[in-house]
Amino acid sequence: MRTAILIMTTLMASLTTGAPAQEAGPVPERVTFPSADGKTTLVGYVFAPIQPPGAKVPAVVMMHGRSGAYSSLAKGRYDGSTLSARHKMWGRFWAEQGYVALMVDGFGPRGYPQGFGRKTYKDRPAELNEVTVRPLDAYGALDWLRARADVAPDRIGLQGWSNGGSATLATMAAGAATTPTSGMGFTAALAFYPGCDTKVPFPETYRPYAPVRVLHGTDDEEVSYRVCRALVERARKLGGDIEITLYPGATHDFDAPVRSRQRDADNVKAKADAMPRAQRFFAQMLLEAPSGR
């Protein structure tokens, strides 16, 4: 009876806080590496797959949104154990699929580990700009992964959410100052509910240099899917390999594995489609493509 009461108490607490009832999987390894901005030492968390010694596997760089990399329940403890439920879920998901996944904390090293609340966009500091600065963090992570003996250097994808989704789109821009000149950029990218109306606007000539897939809810309460749809349509006309998937009724953070989001039936449907869709896309781009593509 006491055991049953304890289980029920734990479950109710998880439903109240939005935290999972039970943590699944090991805590990711904390690492540090330089941003391509030349001055910031970033923090990252590595979710590694089980693989044979000497094997080289694809990798995924993950870029957090405006709330930062950590849970709102972190209470000043910022490490692998307090990453947000969404970031843990995706990091473990990619590791289970055979990828090395690197969650990048770009806000903590710059003094904002808990990120920012809603409706703060116009007040955020320039050193966190998602178009001019955060792509440099993505390329710093890319360089760090390429130096690992267990990563295939030409099979690295990029995934971002919200503000990190905007950073993902900016990172993939052909002709931008951050575009790699060696031809060894990201192989493909996923942008979940990005904001496409940014302080430094995407140019009318925007198109990605590699395949990009955008996923957005039509009831997003923070950013406009219509602006992103227009951006994608323009980029496609310019020859960009970019597509957008819209989920009717889904909100911002529709894939977050917390009660506040998953009690919405449209978010449940969106998440159920988005995760296997993302898996298939990266499998096609990073697993099935011949080395040296």
C-alpha atoms as a PDB file:
ATOM      1  CA  MET A   1       0.000   0.000   0.000  1.00  0.00           C
ATOM      2  CA  ARG A   2       2.809   2.438   0.875  1.00  0.00           C
ATOM      3  CA  THR A   3       4.511   1.649  -2.448  1.00  0.00           C
ATOM      4  CA  ALA A   4       1.304   2.332  -4.360  1.00  0.00           C
ATOM      5  CA  ILE A   5       0.828   5.638  -2.531  1.00  0.00           C
ATOM      6  CA  LEU A   6       4.424   6.649  -3.312  1.00  0.00           C
ATOM      7  CA  ILE A   7       3.974   5.868  -7.010  1.00  0.00           C
ATOM      8  CA  MET A   8       0.743   7.859  -7.163  1.00  0.00           C
ATOM      9  CA  THR A   9       2.333  10.794  -5.331  1.00  0.00           C
ATOM     10  CA  THR A  10       5.260  10.843  -7.751  1.00  0.00           C
ATOM     11  CA  LEU A  11       2.944  10.671 -10.744  1.00  0.00           C
ATOM     12  CA  MET A  12       0.754  13.510  -9.484  1.00  0.00           C
ATOM     13  CA  ALA A  13       3.828  15.646  -8.817  1.00  0.00           C
ATOM     14  CA  SER A  14       5.028  15.091 -12.377  1.00  0.00           C
ATOM     15  CA  LEU A  15       1.649  16.104 -13.783  1.00  0.00           C
ATOM     16  CA  THR A  16       1.635  19.243 -11.664  1.00  0.00           C
ATOM     17  CA  THR A  17       5.141  20.394 -12.545  1.00  0.00           C
ATOM     18  CA  GLY A  18       5.267  19.156 -16.107  1.00  0.00           C
ATOM     19  CA  ALA A  19       8.348  17.044 -15.294  1.00  0.00           C
ATOM     20  CA  PRO A  20       8.540  13.396 -16.323  1.00  0.00           C
ATOM     21  CA  ALA A  21       7.618  10.882 -13.624  1.00  0.00           C
ATOM     22  CA  GLN A  22      10.862   9.040 -14.157  1.00  0.00           C
ATOM     23  CA  GLU A  23      14.127   9.983 -15.833  1.00  0.00           C
ATOM     24  CA  ALA A  24      15.073   7.606 -18.631  1.00  0.00           C
ATOM     25  CA  GLY A  25      18.673   7.157 -19.650  1.00  0.00           C
ATOM     26  CA  PRO A  26      22.042   8.391 -18.422  1.00  0.00           C
ATOM     27  CA  VAL A  27      22.943  12.029 -17.839  1.00  0.00           C
ATOM     28  CA  PRO A  28      24.770  13.373 -20.920  1.00  0.00           C
ATOM     29  CA  GLU A  29      28.455  14.262 -20.791  1.00  0.00           C
ATOM     30  CA  ARG A  30      29.244  17.947 -20.269  1.00  0.00           C
ATOM     31  CA  VAL A  31      31.834  19.391 -22.665  1.00  0.00           C
ATOM     32  CA  THR A  32      33.148  22.830 -23.606  1.00  0.00           C
ATOM     33  CA  PHE A  33      34.291  24.164 -26.974  1.00  0.00           C
ATOM     34  CA  PRO A  34      34.813  27.548 -28.657  1.00  0.00           C
ATOM     35  CA  SER A  35      32.141  29.380 -30.598  1.00  0.00           C
ATOM     36  CA  ALA A  36      33.156  30.526 -34.064  1.00  0.00           C
ATOM     37  CA  ASP A  37      32.702  34.068 -32.703  1.00  0.00           C
ATOM     38  CA  GLY A  38      36.292  33.735 -31.476  1.00  0.00           C
ATOM     39  CA  LYS A  39      35.594  34.814 -27.908  1.00  0.00           C
ATOM     40  CA  THR A  40      32.947  32.630 -26.265  1.00  0.00           C
ATOM     41  CA  THR A  41      33.538  29.228 -24.680  1.00  0.00           C
ATOM     42  CA  LEU A  42      30.312  27.306 -25.090  1.00  0.00           C
ATOM     43  CA  VAL A  43      28.916  24.486 -22.980  1.00  0.00           C
ATOM     44  CA  GLY A  44      27.523  21.366 -24.605  1.00  0.00           C
ATOM     45  CA  TYR A  45      25.965  18.057 -23.560  1.00  0.00           C
ATOM     46  CA  VAL A  46      26.745  14.895 -25.499  1.00  0.00           C
ATOM     47  CA  PHE A  47      24.242  12.088 -25.939  1.00  0.00           C
ATOM     48  CA  ALA A  48      26.293   9.231 -27.386  1.00  0.00           C
ATOM     49  CA  PRO A  49      25.044   6.004 -28.956  1.00  0.00           C
ATOM     50  CA  ILE A  50      26.341   2.537 -28.215  1.00  0.00           C
ATOM     51  CA  GLN A  51      28.644   1.716 -31.108  1.00  0.00           C
ATOM     52  CA  PRO A  52      31.551  -0.566 -31.996  1.00  0.00           C
ATOM     53  CA  PRO A  53      35.056   0.744 -31.209  1.00  0.00           C
ATOM     54  CA  GLY A  54      36.486   2.713 -34.097  1.00  0.00           C
ATOM     55  CA  ALA A  55      33.141   3.316 -35.793  1.00  0.00           C
ATOM     56  CA  LYS A  56      32.262   6.734 -37.169  1.00  0.00           C
ATOM     57  CA  VAL A  57      28.603   7.728 -36.913  1.00  0.00           C
ATOM     58  CA  PRO A  58      26.517  10.750 -37.957  1.00  0.00           C
ATOM     59  CA  ALA A  59      25.874  13.554 -35.501  1.00  0.00           C
ATOM     60  CA  VAL A  60      23.251  16.188 -34.711  1.00  0.00           C
ATOM     61  CA  VAL A  61      23.834  19.677 -33.286  1.00  0.00           C
ATOM     62  CA  MET A  62      20.834  20.862 -31.231  1.00  0.00           C
ATOM     63  CA  MET A  63      20.046  24.551 -30.677  1.00  0.00           C
ATOM     64  CA  HIS A  64      17.706  25.563 -27.826  1.00  0.00           C
ATOM     65  CA  GLY A  65      15.015  28.237 -27.915  1.00  0.00           C
ATOM     66  CA  ARG A  66      14.473  31.465 -25.970  1.00  0.00           C
ATOM     67  CA  SER A  67      14.056  29.627 -22.637  1.00  0.00           C
ATOM     68  CA  GLY A  68      17.596  28.279 -22.817  1.00  0.00           C
ATOM     69  CA  ALA A  69      18.825  24.718 -22.549  1.00  0.00           C
ATOM     70  CA  TYR A  70      17.574  24.010 -19.028  1.00  0.00           C
ATOM     71  CA  SER A  71      14.350  23.173 -17.266  1.00  0.00           C
ATOM     72  CA  SER A  72      12.411  25.943 -15.559  1.00  0.00           C
ATOM     73  CA  LEU A  73      12.797  23.773 -12.436  1.00  0.00           C
ATOM     74  CA  ALA A  74      16.622  23.880 -12.529  1.00  0.00           C
ATOM     75  CA  LYS A  75      16.686  26.303  -9.564  1.00  0.00           C
ATOM     76  CA  GLY A  76      20.223  27.488 -10.250  1.00  0.00           C
ATOM     77  CA  ARG A  77      21.685  24.070 -11.049  1.00  0.00           C
ATOM     78  CA  TYR A  78      22.647  24.093 -14.717  1.00  0.00           C
ATOM     79  CA  ASP A  79      24.039  20.771 -15.867  1.00  0.00           C
ATOM     80  CA  GLY A  80      23.099  17.669 -17.817  1.00  0.00           C
ATOM     81  CA  SER A  81      20.615  16.557 -15.189  1.00  0.00           C
ATOM     82  CA  THR A  82      18.565  19.768 -15.457  1.00  0.00           C
ATOM     83  CA  LEU A  83      18.274  20.067 -19.222  1.00  0.00           C
ATOM     84  CA  SER A  84      14.694  20.616 -20.305  1.00  0.00           C
ATOM     85  CA  ALA A  85      12.496  17.565 -20.848  1.00  0.00           C
ATOM     86  CA  ARG A  86      12.339  18.295 -24.581  1.00  0.00           C
ATOM     87  CA  HIS A  87      16.094  18.464 -24.980  1.00  0.00           C
ATOM     88  CA  LYS A  88      16.619  15.267 -23.006  1.00  0.00           C
ATOM     89  CA  MET A  89      13.960  13.523 -25.053  1.00  0.00           C
ATOM     90  CA  TRP A  90      15.460  14.515 -28.383  1.00  0.00           C
ATOM     91  CA  GLY A  91      19.064  13.910 -27.315  1.00  0.00           C
ATOM     92  CA  ARG A  92      18.219  10.400 -26.202  1.00  0.00           C
ATOM     93  CA  PHE A  93      16.085   9.853 -29.289  1.00  0.00           C
ATOM     94  CA  TRP A  94      18.971  10.648 -31.619  1.00  0.00           C
ATOM     95  CA  ALA A  95      21.412   8.551 -29.591  1.00  0.00           C
ATOM     96  CA  GLU A  96      19.011   5.605 -29.821  1.00  0.00           C
ATOM     97  CA  GLN A  97      18.933   6.114 -33.595  1.00  0.00           C
ATOM     98  CA  GLY A  98      22.731   5.873 -33.744  1.00  0.00           C
ATOM     99  CA  TYR A  99      23.745   9.544 -33.773  1.00  0.00           C
ATOM    100  CA  VAL A 100      26.058  11.525 -31.521  1.00  0.00           C
ATOM    101  CA  ALA A 101      23.807  14.392 -30.384  1.00  0.00           C
ATOM    102  CA  LEU A 102      25.300  17.627 -29.028  1.00  0.00           C
ATOM    103  CA  MET A 103      23.011  19.992 -27.119  1.00  0.00           C
ATOM    104  CA  VAL A 104      24.553  23.488 -27.254  1.00  0.00           C
ATOM    105  CA  ASP A 105      24.032  25.944 -24.396  1.00  0.00           C
ATOM    106  CA  GLY A 106      24.609  29.303 -26.039  1.00  0.00           C
ATOM    107  CA  PHE A 107      22.874  31.442 -23.398  1.00  0.00           C
ATOM    108  CA  GLY A 108      24.465  30.199 -20.152  1.00  0.00           C
ATOM    109  CA  PRO A 109      28.068  31.100 -21.081  1.00  0.00           C
ATOM    110  CA  ARG A 110      26.835  34.604 -21.930  1.00  0.00           C
ATOM    111  CA  GLY A 111      25.138  35.073 -18.571  1.00  0.00           C
ATOM    112  CA  TYR A 112      21.556  33.992 -19.339  1.00  0.00           C
ATOM    113  CA  PRO A 113      21.311  30.296 -18.366  1.00  0.00           C
ATOM    114  CA  GLN A 114      17.549  30.468 -17.773  1.00  0.00           C
ATOM    115  CA  GLY A 115      16.921  32.245 -21.054  1.00  0.00           C
ATOM    116  CA  PHE A 116      14.045  34.665 -21.472  1.00  0.00           C
ATOM    117  CA  GLY A 117      10.316  34.760 -20.914  1.00  0.00           C
ATOM    118  CA  ARG A 118       7.639  35.399 -23.497  1.00  0.00           C
ATOM    119  CA  LYS A 119       7.245  38.884 -24.987  1.00  0.00           C
ATOM    120  CA  THR A 120      10.859  39.835 -24.235  1.00  0.00           C
ATOM    121  CA  TYR A 121      12.151  39.652 -27.800  1.00  0.00           C
ATOM    122  CA  LYS A 122      12.780  43.367 -28.328  1.00  0.00           C
ATOM    123  CA  ASP A 123      14.709  43.595 -25.039  1.00  0.00           C
ATOM    124  CA  ARG A 124      17.155  40.721 -25.556  1.00  0.00           C
ATOM    125  CA  PRO A 125      20.841  41.645 -25.853  1.00  0.00           C
ATOM    126  CA  ALA A 126      22.522  41.818 -29.254  1.00  0.00           C
ATOM    127  CA  GLU A 127      25.136  39.244 -28.232  1.00  0.00           C
ATOM    128  CA  LEU A 128      22.419  36.572 -28.394  1.00  0.00           C
ATOM    129  CA  ASN A 129      21.065  37.487 -31.829  1.00  0.00           C
ATOM    130  CA  GLU A 130      19.767  34.405 -33.612  1.00  0.00           C
ATOM    131  CA  VAL A 131      20.789  35.597 -37.081  1.00  0.00           C
ATOM    132  CA  THR A 132      24.198  37.194 -36.511  1.00  0.00           C
ATOM    133  CA  VAL A 133      25.564  35.389 -33.429  1.00  0.00           C
ATOM    134  CA  ARG A 134      23.961  32.025 -32.798  1.00  0.00           C
ATOM    135  CA  PRO A 135      24.977  30.581 -36.186  1.00  0.00           C
ATOM    136  CA  LEU A 136      28.564  31.071 -35.026  1.00  0.00           C
ATOM    137  CA  ASP A 137      27.771  28.825 -32.062  1.00  0.00           C
ATOM    138  CA  ALA A 138      26.363  26.208 -34.429  1.00  0.00           C
ATOM    139  CA  TYR A 139      29.560  26.253 -36.492  1.00  0.00           C
ATOM    140  CA  GLY A 140      31.670  26.052 -33.354  1.00  0.00           C
ATOM    141  CA  ALA A 141      29.740  22.898 -32.422  1.00  0.00           C
ATOM    142  CA  LEU A 142      30.170  21.573 -35.962  1.00  0.00           C
ATOM    143  CA  ASP A 143      33.950  22.016 -35.804  1.00  0.00           C
ATOM    144  CA  TRP A 144      34.096  20.360 -32.382  1.00  0.00           C
ATOM    145  CA  LEU A 145      32.127  17.339 -33.557  1.00  0.00           C
ATOM    146  CA  ARG A 146      34.279  16.945 -36.655  1.00  0.00           C
ATOM    147  CA  ALA A 147      37.332  16.610 -34.443  1.00  0.00           C
ATOM    148  CA  ARG A 148      35.818  13.623 -32.613  1.00  0.00           C
ATOM    149  CA  ALA A 149      37.132  10.223 -33.647  1.00  0.00           C
ATOM    150  CA  ASP A 150      33.638   8.694 -33.463  1.00  0.00           C
ATOM    151  CA  VAL A 151      31.866  11.189 -35.762  1.00  0.00           C
ATOM    152  CA  ALA A 152      31.611  11.061 -39.562  1.00  0.00           C
ATOM    153  CA  PRO A 153      32.634  14.640 -40.420  1.00  0.00           C
ATOM    154  CA  ASP A 154      30.505  14.881 -43.573  1.00  0.00           C
ATOM    155  CA  ARG A 155      27.304  13.614 -41.921  1.00  0.00           C
ATOM    156  CA  ILE A 156      26.304  16.211 -39.359  1.00  0.00           C
ATOM    157  CA  GLY A 157      22.796  17.656 -39.112  1.00  0.00           C
ATOM    158  CA  LEU A 158      21.403  20.678 -37.309  1.00  0.00           C
ATOM    159  CA  GLN A 159      18.162  20.908 -35.310  1.00  0.00           C
ATOM    160  CA  GLY A 160      16.735  23.952 -33.567  1.00  0.00           C
ATOM    161  CA  TRP A 161      13.566  24.980 -31.755  1.00  0.00           C
ATOM    162  CA  SER A 162      11.887  28.399 -31.693  1.00  0.00           C
ATOM    163  CA  ASN A 163      14.696  30.987 -31.398  1.00  0.00           C
ATOM    164  CA  GLY A 164      17.077  28.117 -32.089  1.00  0.00           C
ATOM    165  CA  GLY A 165      14.962  27.283 -35.120  1.00  0.00           C
ATOM    166  CA  SER A 166      15.510  30.824 -36.381  1.00  0.00           C
ATOM    167  CA  ALA A 167      19.229  30.349 -35.731  1.00  0.00           C
ATOM    168  CA  THR A 168      19.061  27.109 -37.703  1.00  0.00           C
ATOM    169  CA  LEU A 169      17.575  28.870 -40.723  1.00  0.00           C
ATOM    170  CA  ALA A 170      20.222  31.604 -40.487  1.00  0.00           C
ATOM    171  CA  THR A 171      22.993  29.021 -40.134  1.00  0.00           C
ATOM    172  CA  MET A 172      21.899  27.314 -43.339  1.00  0.00           C
ATOM    173  CA  ALA A 173      21.709  30.510 -45.427  1.00  0.00           C
ATOM    174  CA  ALA A 174      23.651  30.289 -48.658  1.00  0.00           C
ATOM    175  CA  GLY A 175      25.957  33.253 -49.136  1.00  0.00           C
ATOM    176  CA  ALA A 176      25.805  34.457 -45.525  1.00  0.00           C
ATOM    177  CA  ALA A 177      28.990  35.509 -43.745  1.00  0.00           C
ATOM    178  CA  THR A 178      28.854  32.312 -41.696  1.00  0.00           C
ATOM    179  CA  THR A 179      28.433  29.988 -44.689  1.00  0.00           C
ATOM    180  CA  PRO A 180      31.340  27.519 -44.768  1.00  0.00           C
ATOM    181  CA  THR A 181      33.700  28.174 -47.660  1.00  0.00           C
ATOM    182  CA  SER A 182      35.142  24.646 -47.738  1.00  0.00           C
ATOM    183  CA  GLY A 183      31.881  22.988 -48.719  1.00  0.00           C
ATOM    184  CA  MET A 184      31.845  21.147 -45.394  1.00  0.00           C
ATOM    185  CA  GLY A 185      28.813  22.724 -43.792  1.00  0.00           C
ATOM    186  CA  PHE A 186      25.864  20.956 -42.228  1.00  0.00           C
ATOM    187  CA  THR A 187      24.437  18.157 -44.347  1.00  0.00           C
ATOM    188  CA  ALA A 188      20.799  18.933 -43.498  1.00  0.00           C
ATOM    189  CA  ALA A 189      18.708  20.776 -40.924  1.00  0.00           C
ATOM    190  CA  LEU A 190      15.403  20.704 -39.036  1.00  0.00           C
ATOM    191  CA  ALA A 191      13.772  23.913 -37.781  1.00  0.00           C
ATOM    192  CA  PHE A 192      10.903  23.458 -35.318  1.00  0.00           C
ATOM    193  CA  TYR A 193       8.498  26.433 -35.031  1.00  0.00           C
ATOM    194  CA  PRO A 194      11.125  29.093 -35.843  1.00  0.00           C
ATOM    195  CA  GLY A 195      10.436  32.790 -35.755  1.00  0.00           C
ATOM    196  CA  CYS A 196      10.974  34.045 -39.295  1.00  0.00           C
ATOM    197  CA  ASP A 197      10.349  37.732 -38.537  1.00  0.00           C
ATOM    198  CA  THR A 198      13.735  38.499 -36.988  1.00  0.00           C
ATOM    199  CA  LYS A 199      15.554  41.658 -35.848  1.00  0.00           C
ATOM    200  CA  VAL A 200      18.049  41.141 -38.641  1.00  0.00           C
ATOM    201  CA  PRO A 201      15.599  40.189 -41.399  1.00  0.00           C
ATOM    202  CA  PHE A 202      16.132  37.229 -43.678  1.00  0.00           C
ATOM    203  CA  PRO A 203      16.818  38.709 -47.122  1.00  0.00           C
ATOM    204  CA  GLU A 204      14.417  38.259 -50.029  1.00  0.00           C
ATOM    205  CA  THR A 205      17.175  36.147 -51.613  1.00  0.00           C
ATOM    206  CA  TYR A 206      17.309  33.691 -48.705  1.00  0.00           C
ATOM    207  CA  ARG A 207      17.794  30.046 -49.634  1.00  0.00           C
ATOM    208  CA  PRO A 208      19.569  27.256 -47.752  1.00  0.00           C
ATOM    209  CA  TYR A 209      22.763  25.647 -49.044  1.00  0.00           C
ATOM    210  CA  ALA A 210      21.584  22.176 -47.924  1.00  0.00           C
ATOM    211  CA  PRO A 211      18.175  20.510 -47.362  1.00  0.00           C
ATOM    212  CA  VAL A 212      16.043  22.081 -44.610  1.00  0.00           C
ATOM    213  CA  ARG A 213      12.676  20.998 -43.231  1.00  0.00           C
ATOM    214  CA  VAL A 214      10.515  23.389 -41.186  1.00  0.00           C
ATOM    215  CA  LEU A 215       7.763  22.142 -38.850  1.00  0.00           C
ATOM    216  CA  HIS A 216       5.177  24.583 -37.503  1.00  0.00           C
ATOM    217  CA  GLY A 217       1.818  24.654 -35.733  1.00  0.00           C
ATOM    218  CA  THR A 218      -0.996  26.823 -37.081  1.00  0.00           C
ATOM    219  CA  ASP A 219      -2.034  27.877 -33.553  1.00  0.00           C
ATOM    220  CA  ASP A 220       1.458  28.971 -32.533  1.00  0.00           C
ATOM    221  CA  GLU A 221       0.953  31.722 -29.964  1.00  0.00           C
ATOM    222  CA  GLU A 222       4.530  33.091 -30.123  1.00  0.00           C
ATOM    223  CA  VAL A 223       5.586  33.253 -33.771  1.00  0.00           C
ATOM    224  CA  SER A 224       3.828  33.339 -37.130  1.00  0.00           C
ATOM    225  CA  TYR A 225       3.740  30.245 -39.288  1.00  0.00           C
ATOM    226  CA  ARG A 226       2.529  32.421 -42.169  1.00  0.00           C
ATOM    227  CA  VAL A 227       5.779  34.423 -42.209  1.00  0.00           C
ATOM    228  CA  CYS A 228       7.768  31.185 -42.261  1.00  0.00           C
ATOM    229  CA  ARG A 229       5.590  29.721 -45.003  1.00  0.00           C
ATOM    230  CA  ALA A 230       6.230  32.801 -47.135  1.00  0.00           C
ATOM    231  CA  LEU A 231       9.982  32.530 -46.472  1.00  0.00           C
ATOM    232  CA  VAL A 232       9.964  28.878 -47.504  1.00  0.00           C
ATOM    233  CA  GLU A 233       7.975  29.597 -50.663  1.00  0.00           C
ATOM    234  CA  ARG A 234      10.409  32.335 -51.716  1.00  0.00           C
ATOM    235  CA  ALA A 235      13.420  30.129 -51.016  1.00  0.00           C
ATOM    236  CA  ARG A 236      11.925  27.272 -53.030  1.00  0.00           C
ATOM    237  CA  LYS A 237      11.408  29.568 -56.019  1.00  0.00           C
ATOM    238  CA  LEU A 238      15.118  30.399 -55.792  1.00  0.00           C
ATOM    239  CA  GLY A 239      15.988  26.704 -55.936  1.00  0.00           C
ATOM    240  CA  GLY A 240      16.378  26.006 -52.221  1.00  0.00           C
ATOM    241  CA  ASP A 241      15.707  22.482 -50.975  1.00  0.00           C
ATOM    242  CA  ILE A 242      13.381  23.561 -48.182  1.00  0.00           C
ATOM    243  CA  GLU A 243       9.881  22.444 -47.189  1.00  0.00           C
ATOM    244  CA  ILE A 244       7.421  23.354 -44.445  1.00  0.00           C
ATOM    245  CA  THR A 245       5.007  21.007 -42.690  1.00  0.00           C
ATOM    246  CA  LEU A 246       2.063  22.681 -40.952  1.00  0.00           C
ATOM    247  CA  TYR A 247       0.167  21.041 -38.094  1.00  0.00           C
ATOM    248  CA  PRO A 248      -3.434  22.291 -37.785  1.00  0.00           C
ATOM    249  CA  GLY A 249      -4.223  23.494 -34.274  1.00  0.00           C
ATOM    250  CA  ALA A 250      -0.751  22.788 -32.877  1.00  0.00           C
ATOM    251  CA  THR A 251       0.875  25.393 -30.619  1.00  0.00           C
ATOM    252  CA  HIS A 252       4.393  26.546 -29.915  1.00  0.00           C
ATOM    253  CA  ASP A 253       6.492  23.804 -28.248  1.00  0.00           C
ATOM    254  CA  PHE A 254       4.096  21.169 -29.585  1.00  0.00           C
ATOM    255  CA  ASP A 255       6.748  18.449 -29.197  1.00  0.00           C
ATOM    256  CA  ALA A 256       7.588  19.213 -25.547  1.00  0.00           C
ATOM    257  CA  PRO A 257       6.872  16.028 -23.535  1.00  0.00           C
ATOM    258  CA  VAL A 258       5.135  17.860 -20.696  1.00  0.00           C
ATOM    259  CA  ARG A 259       1.508  17.862 -19.608  1.00  0.00           C
ATOM    260  CA  SER A 260       0.982  21.539 -20.359  1.00  0.00           C
ATOM    261  CA  ARG A 261       1.556  20.768 -24.054  1.00  0.00           C
ATOM    262  CA  GLN A 262       0.555  17.138 -24.424  1.00  0.00           C
ATOM    263  CA  ARG A 263      -2.905  17.587 -22.932  1.00  0.00           C
ATOM    264  CA  ASP A 264      -3.713  19.346 -26.222  1.00  0.00           C
ATOM    265  CA  ALA A 265      -4.891  16.742 -28.755  1.00  0.00           C
ATOM    266  CA  ASP A 266      -3.521  18.710 -31.714  1.00  0.00           C
ATOM    267  CA  ASN A 267      -0.076  18.855 -30.108  1.00  0.00           C
ATOM    268  CA  VAL A 268      -0.213  15.102 -29.482  1.00  0.00           C
ATOM    269  CA  LYS A 269      -0.942  14.524 -33.171  1.00  0.00           C
ATOM    270  CA  ALA A 270       1.777  16.950 -34.246  1.00  0.00           C
ATOM    271  CA  LYS A 271       4.410  15.358 -32.017  1.00  0.00           C
ATOM    272  CA  ALA A 272       3.411  11.872 -33.158  1.00  0.00           C
ATOM    273  CA  ASP A 273       4.033  12.903 -36.763  1.00  0.00           C
ATOM    274  CA  ALA A 274       7.032  15.198 -36.259  1.00  0.00           C
ATOM    275  CA  MET A 275       9.358  12.762 -34.492  1.00  0.00           C
ATOM    276  CA  PRO A 276       9.232   9.955 -37.086  1.00  0.00           C
ATOM    277  CA  ARG A 277       9.247  12.590 -39.855  1.00  0.00           C
ATOM    278  CA  ALA A 278      12.454  14.059 -38.415  1.00  0.00           C
ATOM    279  CA  GLN A 279      13.907  10.576 -38.017  1.00  0.00           C
ATOM    280  CA  ARG A 280      13.194   9.671 -41.643  1.00  0.00           C
ATOM    281  CA  PHE A 281      14.643  12.936 -42.926  1.00  0.00           C
ATOM    282  CA  PHE A 282      17.926  12.626 -41.064  1.00  0.00           C
ATOM    283  CA  ALA A 283      18.134   8.918 -41.874  1.00  0.00           C
ATOM    284  CA  GLN A 284      17.871   9.775 -45.570  1.00  0.00           C
ATOM    285  CA  MET A 285      20.321  12.666 -45.332  1.00  0.00           C
ATOM    286  CA  LEU A 286      22.836  11.372 -42.788  1.00  0.00           C
ATOM    287  CA  LEU A 287      22.582   7.585 -42.647  1.00  0.00           C
ATOM    288  CA  GLU A 288      21.706   6.483 -46.164  1.00  0.00           C
ATOM    289  CA  ALA A 289      23.735   9.016 -48.156  1.00  0.00           C
ATOM    290  CA  PRO A 290      27.130   7.689 -49.322  1.00  0.00           C
ATOM    291  CA  SER A 291      30.177   9.051 -47.535  1.00  0.00           C
ATOM    292  CA  GLY A 292      31.735  12.029 -49.273  1.00  0.00           C
ATOM    293  CA  ARG A 293      28.406  13.291 -50.689  1.00  0.00           C
END
